[in-house]
Amino acid sequence: TLRDVHFSHDGDRDVLRGVTATIDGGRTVAVVGATGAGKTSLLHLIAGLVAADSGSVTVPAAGSRIVFQEPFLLAGSVRENIALGIDVPADAIEVALAVAEAQFVYDLPAGLDTELGERGVGLSGGQRQRLALARALVRRPAVLLLDDTTSALDPTTEAKVLANLRAALSQTTVVAVASRPSTIALADDVLYLDNGQVVAHGRHDELMQSVPAYRQLIEAFEHDRAAMDAELAEPIDAGDRKSV
């Protein structure tokens, strides 16, 4: 629960202004807004990484875990990167990897004991994100915060991860910053931020009908996604191949 929360990075300009919202336990909520709307700052407040200038942020006693868009991995084994110094049973790691769609680790040269380079050198961006998600899941948080955590995954894998989270974490509240329309549509609710304020909180389809600015933002996301997909699918001509 957030009540009249104000937050600024420099004490001068509010990044979040009078944010009030109640997120029911066990729900999956997408935090949506344009660049600079305050989405990441909101997650940092819920995670306790920063403190509000005024207002209150209440999180269940079991606490929260946040997974960043660019996760940090240590030079060490896959197992060490998931456990991070705590004793995690093998079956708990197995379940976390399955939920995060990170079973690729079993195909690595030494499986869970494969040594990773600094910052996970040798893994793709999506693989690093899924390992970081598994690291959060083994700690069984009451609130799981995803800061565009699945941005490096293809839409099909992302949908699988979100479906797994919903099935495996029925008691966990998931709050996810998202900009991919397909991800947003999968959430139970949407918290729409604009210029540091909560403009609307409700179901995606309802907001598409009742909030013109939200609909325009989603249409812009869809346009950007279509343009990106077209660029990735465009064949490289002979001249470009020679210059690579």
Protein backbone atom coordinates (compact mmCIF):
# COMPACT_ATOMS: atom_id res chain seq x y z
CA THR A 1 0.00 0.00 0.00
CA LEU A 2 1.26 3.46 -0.91
CA ARG A 3 -0.31 6.54 0.64
CA ASP A 4 0.38 10.06 -0.61
CA VAL A 5 3.98 9.19 -1.50
CA HIS A 6 6.32 11.95 -2.65
CA PHE A 7 9.85 11.20 -3.80
CA SER A 8 12.66 13.17 -5.41
CA HIS A 9 16.25 12.29 -6.27
CA ASP A 10 17.68 15.69 -5.48
CA GLY A 11 15.17 17.20 -3.07
CA ASP A 12 14.15 19.70 -5.72
CA ARG A 13 11.79 18.12 -8.27
CA ASP A 14 9.36 15.36 -7.32
CA VAL A 15 9.75 12.19 -9.38
CA LEU A 16 6.63 10.79 -7.70
CA ARG A 17 3.89 13.15 -6.57
CA GLY A 18 1.15 12.11 -4.18
CA VAL A 19 1.12 8.46 -5.27
CA THR A 20 -1.64 6.48 -3.58
CA ALA A 21 -2.36 2.88 -4.57
CA THR A 22 -3.42 -0.39 -2.98
CA ILE A 23 -2.23 -3.62 -4.59
CA ASP A 24 -4.07 -6.72 -3.43
CA GLY A 25 -2.01 -9.72 -2.40
CA GLY A 26 -1.49 -12.43 -4.99
CA ARG A 27 -2.16 -10.11 -7.94
CA THR A 28 0.07 -9.47 -10.94
CA VAL A 29 0.21 -5.74 -11.60
CA ALA A 30 1.87 -4.06 -14.59
CA VAL A 31 3.32 -0.59 -13.96
CA VAL A 32 2.99 1.33 -17.22
CA GLY A 33 4.07 4.80 -18.27
CA ALA A 34 6.22 6.77 -20.65
CA THR A 35 9.94 7.25 -20.06
CA GLY A 36 10.45 9.39 -16.96
CA ALA A 37 7.02 8.67 -15.51
CA GLY A 38 8.54 7.34 -12.27
CA LYS A 39 8.06 3.59 -12.78
CA THR A 40 11.50 2.43 -11.63
CA SER A 41 11.50 4.87 -8.72
CA LEU A 42 8.19 3.37 -7.61
CA LEU A 43 9.69 -0.13 -7.58
CA HIS A 44 12.77 1.09 -5.70
CA LEU A 45 10.49 2.58 -3.02
CA ILE A 46 8.53 -0.65 -2.63
CA ALA A 47 11.81 -2.60 -2.43
CA GLY A 48 13.12 -0.28 0.27
CA LEU A 49 16.14 0.77 -1.81
CA VAL A 50 15.20 4.43 -1.35
CA ALA A 51 13.01 6.23 1.17
CA ALA A 52 10.02 8.41 0.41
CA ASP A 53 10.31 12.13 1.16
CA SER A 54 6.82 11.95 2.61
CA GLY A 55 3.91 9.53 2.73
CA SER A 56 4.07 5.83 3.56
CA VAL A 57 4.92 2.54 1.81
CA THR A 58 3.69 -0.64 3.49
CA VAL A 59 5.00 -4.05 2.37
CA PRO A 60 4.12 -7.48 3.87
CA ALA A 61 6.42 -8.66 6.64
CA ALA A 62 7.88 -11.39 4.41
CA GLY A 63 9.42 -8.59 2.35
CA SER A 64 10.13 -8.04 -1.32
CA ARG A 65 12.75 -8.94 -3.91
CA ILE A 66 13.58 -6.91 -6.99
CA VAL A 67 15.01 -8.16 -10.28
CA PHE A 68 16.57 -5.49 -12.47
CA GLN A 69 16.54 -5.19 -16.25
CA GLU A 70 20.34 -5.48 -16.22
CA PRO A 71 21.01 -8.07 -13.49
CA PHE A 72 24.43 -8.32 -11.87
CA LEU A 73 26.04 -11.75 -11.84
CA LEU A 74 29.17 -12.60 -9.91
CA ALA A 75 32.25 -14.46 -11.10
CA GLY A 76 31.39 -17.84 -9.66
CA SER A 77 29.27 -20.90 -10.33
CA VAL A 78 25.64 -20.81 -11.43
CA ARG A 79 24.72 -22.36 -8.07
CA GLU A 80 26.59 -19.63 -6.15
CA ASN A 81 24.91 -16.92 -8.19
CA ILE A 82 21.49 -18.30 -7.31
CA ALA A 83 22.16 -18.97 -3.62
CA LEU A 84 24.27 -15.87 -2.86
CA GLY A 85 25.52 -17.22 0.44
CA ILE A 86 22.37 -18.89 1.76
CA ASP A 87 21.69 -22.61 2.04
CA VAL A 88 19.24 -23.43 -0.76
CA PRO A 89 18.01 -27.04 -1.15
CA ALA A 90 18.61 -28.59 -4.55
CA ASP A 91 14.89 -29.09 -5.15
CA ALA A 92 14.21 -25.40 -4.46
CA ILE A 93 16.79 -24.42 -7.06
CA GLU A 94 15.25 -26.84 -9.53
CA VAL A 95 11.77 -25.38 -9.03
CA ALA A 96 13.04 -21.79 -9.31
CA LEU A 97 14.86 -22.56 -12.55
CA ALA A 98 11.74 -24.19 -13.99
CA VAL A 99 9.53 -21.22 -13.12
CA ALA A 100 12.10 -18.83 -14.63
CA GLU A 101 12.37 -20.99 -17.78
CA ALA A 102 16.11 -21.22 -17.01
CA GLN A 103 16.65 -24.94 -17.52
CA PHE A 104 19.35 -24.01 -20.05
CA VAL A 105 21.78 -24.18 -17.12
CA TYR A 106 21.63 -27.98 -17.25
CA ASP A 107 23.09 -27.83 -20.77
CA LEU A 108 26.11 -25.82 -19.61
CA PRO A 109 29.42 -27.75 -19.40
CA ALA A 110 29.16 -28.43 -15.66
CA GLY A 111 25.48 -27.67 -15.10
CA LEU A 112 24.89 -25.76 -11.87
CA ASP A 113 28.61 -25.90 -11.10
CA THR A 114 29.58 -24.13 -14.33
CA GLU A 115 31.77 -21.15 -13.55
CA LEU A 116 30.49 -17.86 -14.96
CA GLY A 117 32.67 -14.94 -15.91
CA GLU A 118 32.32 -11.52 -14.29
CA ARG A 119 28.81 -10.14 -14.91
CA GLY A 120 27.82 -13.43 -16.51
CA VAL A 121 30.09 -13.15 -19.52
CA GLY A 122 29.17 -15.86 -22.00
CA LEU A 123 25.45 -15.76 -21.26
CA SER A 124 22.90 -13.89 -23.33
CA GLY A 125 20.91 -11.02 -21.86
CA GLY A 126 17.83 -13.20 -21.58
CA GLN A 127 19.77 -15.97 -19.82
CA ARG A 128 21.16 -13.49 -17.29
CA GLN A 129 17.66 -12.15 -16.64
CA ARG A 130 16.27 -15.64 -16.07
CA LEU A 131 19.07 -16.56 -13.66
CA ALA A 132 18.47 -13.36 -11.69
CA LEU A 133 14.77 -14.19 -11.55
CA ALA A 134 15.53 -17.68 -10.23
CA ARG A 135 17.78 -16.08 -7.57
CA ALA A 136 14.82 -14.00 -6.36
CA LEU A 137 12.38 -16.92 -6.49
CA VAL A 138 14.38 -19.22 -4.17
CA ARG A 139 13.89 -16.60 -1.46
CA ARG A 140 10.10 -16.90 -1.74
CA PRO A 141 9.31 -13.18 -1.40
CA ALA A 142 5.85 -11.89 -0.53
CA VAL A 143 6.30 -9.25 -3.22
CA LEU A 144 8.28 -9.85 -6.42
CA LEU A 145 9.33 -6.68 -8.25
CA LEU A 146 10.33 -6.93 -11.91
CA ASP A 147 11.95 -3.87 -13.46
CA ASP A 148 11.46 -4.71 -17.15
CA THR A 149 13.08 -8.00 -16.18
CA THR A 150 11.82 -9.96 -19.18
CA SER A 151 12.72 -7.34 -21.80
CA ALA A 152 15.47 -9.49 -23.33
CA LEU A 153 13.20 -12.53 -23.76
CA ASP A 154 11.28 -13.34 -26.89
CA PRO A 155 7.49 -12.94 -26.48
CA THR A 156 6.84 -16.70 -26.30
CA THR A 157 9.37 -17.30 -23.50
CA GLU A 158 8.19 -14.20 -21.68
CA ALA A 159 4.59 -15.43 -21.76
CA LYS A 160 5.73 -18.80 -20.37
CA VAL A 161 7.62 -17.12 -17.52
CA LEU A 162 4.65 -14.97 -16.57
CA ALA A 163 2.30 -17.95 -16.71
CA ASN A 164 4.72 -19.94 -14.53
CA LEU A 165 4.85 -17.12 -11.98
CA ARG A 166 1.08 -16.98 -11.82
CA ALA A 167 0.79 -20.75 -11.35
CA ALA A 168 3.66 -21.20 -8.87
CA LEU A 169 3.30 -18.03 -6.81
CA SER A 170 -0.40 -17.78 -6.12
CA GLN A 171 0.27 -16.06 -2.79
CA THR A 172 2.98 -13.74 -4.12
CA THR A 173 2.23 -10.24 -5.40
CA VAL A 174 4.06 -9.49 -8.64
CA VAL A 175 4.63 -5.85 -9.61
CA ALA A 176 6.25 -5.54 -13.02
CA VAL A 177 7.37 -2.48 -14.97
CA ALA A 178 6.42 -3.35 -18.54
CA SER A 179 6.41 -1.79 -21.99
CA ARG A 180 5.58 -4.80 -24.16
CA PRO A 181 1.82 -4.78 -24.90
CA SER A 182 1.59 -8.58 -24.72
CA THR A 183 3.07 -8.51 -21.20
CA ILE A 184 0.79 -5.73 -20.04
CA ALA A 185 -2.28 -7.58 -21.30
CA LEU A 186 -1.35 -10.64 -19.19
CA ALA A 187 -1.43 -8.70 -15.90
CA ASP A 188 -4.44 -8.74 -13.58
CA ASP A 189 -4.29 -4.97 -13.18
CA VAL A 190 -2.42 -1.99 -14.61
CA LEU A 191 -1.06 0.93 -12.61
CA TYR A 192 -0.74 3.76 -15.13
CA LEU A 193 1.74 6.50 -14.20
CA ASP A 194 2.11 9.85 -15.92
CA ASN A 195 4.48 12.58 -14.78
CA GLY A 196 4.94 10.96 -11.37
CA GLN A 197 1.26 10.48 -10.61
CA VAL A 198 -1.13 7.54 -10.71
CA VAL A 199 -3.57 8.45 -13.48
CA ALA A 200 -5.49 5.17 -13.47
CA HIS A 201 -5.52 1.74 -11.84
CA GLY A 202 -7.57 -1.03 -13.38
CA ARG A 203 -7.76 -3.77 -15.98
CA HIS A 204 -5.87 -3.27 -19.23
CA ASP A 205 -8.95 -3.60 -21.43
CA GLU A 206 -10.90 -1.16 -19.26
CA LEU A 207 -8.13 1.43 -19.39
CA MET A 208 -7.89 1.03 -23.16
CA GLN A 209 -11.55 2.05 -23.36
CA SER A 210 -11.69 4.76 -20.70
CA VAL A 211 -8.26 6.47 -20.66
CA PRO A 212 -7.31 7.99 -24.06
CA ALA A 213 -3.73 8.82 -23.01
CA TYR A 214 -3.19 5.21 -21.91
CA ARG A 215 -4.56 3.88 -25.19
CA GLN A 216 -2.25 6.22 -27.14
CA LEU A 217 0.76 5.03 -25.13
CA ILE A 218 -0.06 1.37 -25.75
CA GLU A 219 -0.51 2.07 -29.47
CA ALA A 220 2.90 3.76 -29.48
CA PHE A 221 4.40 0.70 -27.75
CA GLU A 222 2.81 -1.55 -30.37
CA HIS A 223 4.17 0.63 -33.20
CA ASP A 224 7.67 0.59 -31.71
CA ARG A 225 7.53 -3.18 -31.23
CA ALA A 226 6.37 -3.75 -34.80
CA ALA A 227 9.15 -1.53 -36.15
CA MET A 228 11.74 -3.39 -34.06
CA ASP A 229 10.48 -6.79 -35.20
CA ALA A 230 10.57 -5.64 -38.84
CA GLU A 231 14.14 -4.40 -38.44
CA LEU A 232 15.27 -7.70 -36.93
CA ALA A 233 13.56 -9.63 -39.73
CA GLU A 234 14.99 -7.51 -42.54
CA PRO A 235 17.58 -9.45 -44.58
CA ILE A 236 21.09 -8.03 -44.85
CA ASP A 237 22.12 -7.33 -48.44
CA ALA A 238 25.47 -8.35 -49.89
CA GLY A 239 27.03 -4.95 -49.31
CA ASP A 240 26.17 -4.98 -45.65
CA ARG A 241 27.61 -8.48 -45.22
CA LYS A 242 30.90 -7.36 -46.68
CA SER A 243 31.08 -4.41 -44.32
CA VAL A 244 30.42 -6.45 -41.17
